Amino acid sequence: MRFINDNIQIRVGDTVEWTNQDPVTPHTVTFGTEPADLADPSANVKTDAEGVLHADITSPGDRVNSGFIMATLQDQTNKPQTPIGVTRFRITFKIPGVFPYICGLHDILGMTGTVTVH
């Protein structure tokens, strides 16, 4: 219940990608205030050309929530095939600053981090 690299240092214009490789547990990447429904991505999250959810941070007050990042549930007998899971999330940082983030489901367990943009 930790981000592997929880203190990221990048340059303005760089993109950070988070990947959930846990086969069971969902996570979020959430900047700013947690939304009421953590499962749904915030309105500023789009799908990029590679099919990965992607957002930009363009001001210190931007709020971004990835929605649940999780592997697809395994297929079950006599049930429809499960949809493809979303296991990756990207954010491009357009301005310098220090941007704290959390997993909205597990922050109380210490799943927090910071992106410092120079």
C-alpha atoms as a PDB file:
ATOM      1  CA  MET A   1       0.000   0.000   0.000  1.00  0.00           C
ATOM      2  CA  ARG A   2       2.734   2.411  -1.081  1.00  0.00           C
ATOM      3  CA  PHE A   3       3.761   4.191  -4.239  1.00  0.00           C
ATOM      4  CA  ILE A   4       7.105   2.625  -5.221  1.00  0.00           C
ATOM      5  CA  ASN A   5       8.621   5.999  -6.141  1.00  0.00           C
ATOM      6  CA  ASP A   6       6.771   8.414  -3.881  1.00  0.00           C
ATOM      7  CA  ASN A   7       9.056  11.440  -4.334  1.00  0.00           C
ATOM      8  CA  ILE A   8       9.353  12.205  -8.048  1.00  0.00           C
ATOM      9  CA  GLN A   9      11.551  15.013  -9.443  1.00  0.00           C
ATOM     10  CA  ILE A  10      10.880  16.142 -13.025  1.00  0.00           C
ATOM     11  CA  ARG A  11      11.094  19.162 -15.341  1.00  0.00           C
ATOM     12  CA  VAL A  12       8.260  21.333 -16.639  1.00  0.00           C
ATOM     13  CA  GLY A  13       6.587  19.570 -19.561  1.00  0.00           C
ATOM     14  CA  ASP A  14       7.479  16.046 -18.393  1.00  0.00           C
ATOM     15  CA  THR A  15       4.858  13.325 -18.034  1.00  0.00           C
ATOM     16  CA  VAL A  16       4.687  10.902 -15.109  1.00  0.00           C
ATOM     17  CA  GLU A  17       3.027   7.501 -15.491  1.00  0.00           C
ATOM     18  CA  TRP A  18       1.646   5.414 -12.631  1.00  0.00           C
ATOM     19  CA  THR A  19       0.976   1.705 -13.161  1.00  0.00           C
ATOM     20  CA  ASN A  20      -0.982  -0.598 -10.874  1.00  0.00           C
ATOM     21  CA  GLN A  21       0.428  -4.110 -11.169  1.00  0.00           C
ATOM     22  CA  ASP A  22      -1.605  -5.468  -8.253  1.00  0.00           C
ATOM     23  CA  PRO A  23      -3.936  -8.145  -9.662  1.00  0.00           C
ATOM     24  CA  VAL A  24      -6.631  -7.512  -7.036  1.00  0.00           C
ATOM     25  CA  THR A  25      -6.493  -4.118  -5.299  1.00  0.00           C
ATOM     26  CA  PRO A  26      -7.640  -0.902  -7.010  1.00  0.00           C
ATOM     27  CA  HIS A  27      -5.806   2.377  -6.409  1.00  0.00           C
ATOM     28  CA  THR A  28      -6.211   6.012  -7.422  1.00  0.00           C
ATOM     29  CA  VAL A  29      -3.818   8.836  -8.207  1.00  0.00           C
ATOM     30  CA  THR A  30      -5.476  11.898  -6.734  1.00  0.00           C
ATOM     31  CA  PHE A  31      -4.145  15.481  -6.672  1.00  0.00           C
ATOM     32  CA  GLY A  32      -6.061  18.051  -4.630  1.00  0.00           C
ATOM     33  CA  THR A  33      -9.389  17.483  -2.935  1.00  0.00           C
ATOM     34  CA  GLU A  34     -10.749  13.949  -3.071  1.00  0.00           C
ATOM     35  CA  PRO A  35     -13.933  13.720  -5.135  1.00  0.00           C
ATOM     36  CA  ALA A  36     -17.116  12.224  -3.705  1.00  0.00           C
ATOM     37  CA  ASP A  37     -16.815   9.259  -6.092  1.00  0.00           C
ATOM     38  CA  LEU A  38     -13.219   8.045  -6.287  1.00  0.00           C
ATOM     39  CA  ALA A  39     -14.136   5.405  -8.894  1.00  0.00           C
ATOM     40  CA  ASP A  40     -14.806   7.976 -11.625  1.00  0.00           C
ATOM     41  CA  PRO A  41     -11.987   9.963 -13.252  1.00  0.00           C
ATOM     42  CA  SER A  42     -12.247  13.737 -12.955  1.00  0.00           C
ATOM     43  CA  ALA A  43     -13.553  15.712 -15.961  1.00  0.00           C
ATOM     44  CA  ASN A  44     -10.034  16.818 -16.957  1.00  0.00           C
ATOM     45  CA  VAL A  45      -8.913  13.195 -17.536  1.00  0.00           C
ATOM     46  CA  LYS A  46      -8.953  12.066 -21.160  1.00  0.00           C
ATOM     47  CA  THR A  47      -7.808   8.960 -22.998  1.00  0.00           C
ATOM     48  CA  ASP A  48      -4.616   9.572 -24.984  1.00  0.00           C
ATOM     49  CA  ALA A  49      -3.621   8.066 -28.347  1.00  0.00           C
ATOM     50  CA  GLU A  50      -2.211   4.963 -26.631  1.00  0.00           C
ATOM     51  CA  GLY A  51      -5.466   4.337 -24.759  1.00  0.00           C
ATOM     52  CA  VAL A  52      -4.057   5.488 -21.414  1.00  0.00           C
ATOM     53  CA  LEU A  53      -5.940   7.884 -19.135  1.00  0.00           C
ATOM     54  CA  HIS A  54      -4.090  11.221 -19.176  1.00  0.00           C
ATOM     55  CA  ALA A  55      -4.466  14.653 -17.574  1.00  0.00           C
ATOM     56  CA  ASP A  56      -2.498  17.910 -17.531  1.00  0.00           C
ATOM     57  CA  ILE A  57      -1.741  20.008 -14.488  1.00  0.00           C
ATOM     58  CA  THR A  58      -1.587  23.643 -15.546  1.00  0.00           C
ATOM     59  CA  SER A  59      -2.048  25.483 -12.222  1.00  0.00           C
ATOM     60  CA  PRO A  60      -1.261  24.860  -8.544  1.00  0.00           C
ATOM     61  CA  GLY A  61      -4.952  24.427  -7.715  1.00  0.00           C
ATOM     62  CA  ASP A  62      -5.737  21.781 -10.348  1.00  0.00           C
ATOM     63  CA  ARG A  63      -7.587  18.776  -8.992  1.00  0.00           C
ATOM     64  CA  VAL A  64      -7.092  15.477 -10.781  1.00  0.00           C
ATOM     65  CA  ASN A  65      -8.450  12.040  -9.914  1.00  0.00           C
ATOM     66  CA  SER A  66      -7.540   9.000 -12.021  1.00  0.00           C
ATOM     67  CA  GLY A  67     -10.562   6.953 -11.018  1.00  0.00           C
ATOM     68  CA  PHE A  68      -9.862   3.339 -10.080  1.00  0.00           C
ATOM     69  CA  ILE A  69      -6.694   1.957 -11.620  1.00  0.00           C
ATOM     70  CA  MET A  70      -6.970  -1.800 -11.466  1.00  0.00           C
ATOM     71  CA  ALA A  71      -6.482  -5.005 -13.377  1.00  0.00           C
ATOM     72  CA  THR A  72      -9.425  -6.654 -15.073  1.00  0.00           C
ATOM     73  CA  LEU A  73     -11.240  -9.174 -12.947  1.00  0.00           C
ATOM     74  CA  GLN A  74     -10.673 -12.700 -14.152  1.00  0.00           C
ATOM     75  CA  ASP A  75     -13.323 -14.187 -16.402  1.00  0.00           C
ATOM     76  CA  GLN A  76     -15.919 -16.214 -14.549  1.00  0.00           C
ATOM     77  CA  THR A  77     -17.856 -19.253 -15.719  1.00  0.00           C
ATOM     78  CA  ASN A  78     -21.262 -18.462 -17.248  1.00  0.00           C
ATOM     79  CA  LYS A  79     -20.732 -14.701 -16.995  1.00  0.00           C
ATOM     80  CA  PRO A  80     -19.978 -12.147 -19.728  1.00  0.00           C
ATOM     81  CA  GLN A  81     -16.349 -11.360 -20.460  1.00  0.00           C
ATOM     82  CA  THR A  82     -15.042  -8.628 -18.198  1.00  0.00           C
ATOM     83  CA  PRO A  83     -14.041  -5.309 -19.796  1.00  0.00           C
ATOM     84  CA  ILE A  84     -10.395  -4.362 -20.165  1.00  0.00           C
ATOM     85  CA  GLY A  85      -8.993  -2.857 -16.979  1.00  0.00           C
ATOM     86  CA  VAL A  86      -7.271   0.510 -16.669  1.00  0.00           C
ATOM     87  CA  THR A  87      -3.861  -0.089 -15.132  1.00  0.00           C
ATOM     88  CA  ARG A  88      -1.971   3.050 -16.208  1.00  0.00           C
ATOM     89  CA  PHE A  89      -2.480   6.765 -15.602  1.00  0.00           C
ATOM     90  CA  ARG A  90      -0.413   9.731 -16.843  1.00  0.00           C
ATOM     91  CA  ILE A  91      -0.127  13.381 -15.898  1.00  0.00           C
ATOM     92  CA  THR A  92       1.838  16.033 -17.783  1.00  0.00           C
ATOM     93  CA  PHE A  93       3.019  18.886 -15.568  1.00  0.00           C
ATOM     94  CA  LYS A  94       2.921  22.232 -17.392  1.00  0.00           C
ATOM     95  CA  ILE A  95       4.158  24.440 -14.515  1.00  0.00           C
ATOM     96  CA  PRO A  96       6.821  24.261 -11.789  1.00  0.00           C
ATOM     97  CA  GLY A  97       5.857  23.521  -8.202  1.00  0.00           C
ATOM     98  CA  VAL A  98       5.415  20.855  -5.575  1.00  0.00           C
ATOM     99  CA  PHE A  99       2.342  18.665  -6.091  1.00  0.00           C
ATOM    100  CA  PRO A 100       1.325  16.229  -3.350  1.00  0.00           C
ATOM    101  CA  TYR A 101      -0.808  13.241  -4.346  1.00  0.00           C
ATOM    102  CA  ILE A 102      -2.522  10.298  -2.672  1.00  0.00           C
ATOM    103  CA  CYS A 103      -4.279   7.056  -3.348  1.00  0.00           C
ATOM    104  CA  GLY A 104      -7.766   8.087  -2.254  1.00  0.00           C
ATOM    105  CA  LEU A 105      -8.426   4.551  -1.031  1.00  0.00           C
ATOM    106  CA  HIS A 106      -5.235   3.995   0.945  1.00  0.00           C
ATOM    107  CA  ASP A 107      -3.831   7.389   1.979  1.00  0.00           C
ATOM    108  CA  ILE A 108      -4.585   6.652   5.641  1.00  0.00           C
ATOM    109  CA  LEU A 109      -2.198   3.685   5.288  1.00  0.00           C
ATOM    110  CA  GLY A 110       0.547   5.998   4.012  1.00  0.00           C
ATOM    111  CA  MET A 111      -0.007   5.708   0.258  1.00  0.00           C
ATOM    112  CA  THR A 112       1.027   9.285  -0.515  1.00  0.00           C
ATOM    113  CA  GLY A 113       3.625  10.993  -2.658  1.00  0.00           C
ATOM    114  CA  THR A 114       4.927  14.230  -4.126  1.00  0.00           C
ATOM    115  CA  VAL A 115       5.891  15.365  -7.611  1.00  0.00           C
ATOM    116  CA  THR A 116       8.390  18.238  -7.616  1.00  0.00           C
ATOM    117  CA  VAL A 117       8.526  20.039 -10.954  1.00  0.00           C
ATOM    118  CA  HIS A 118      11.550  22.256 -11.758  1.00  0.00           C
END
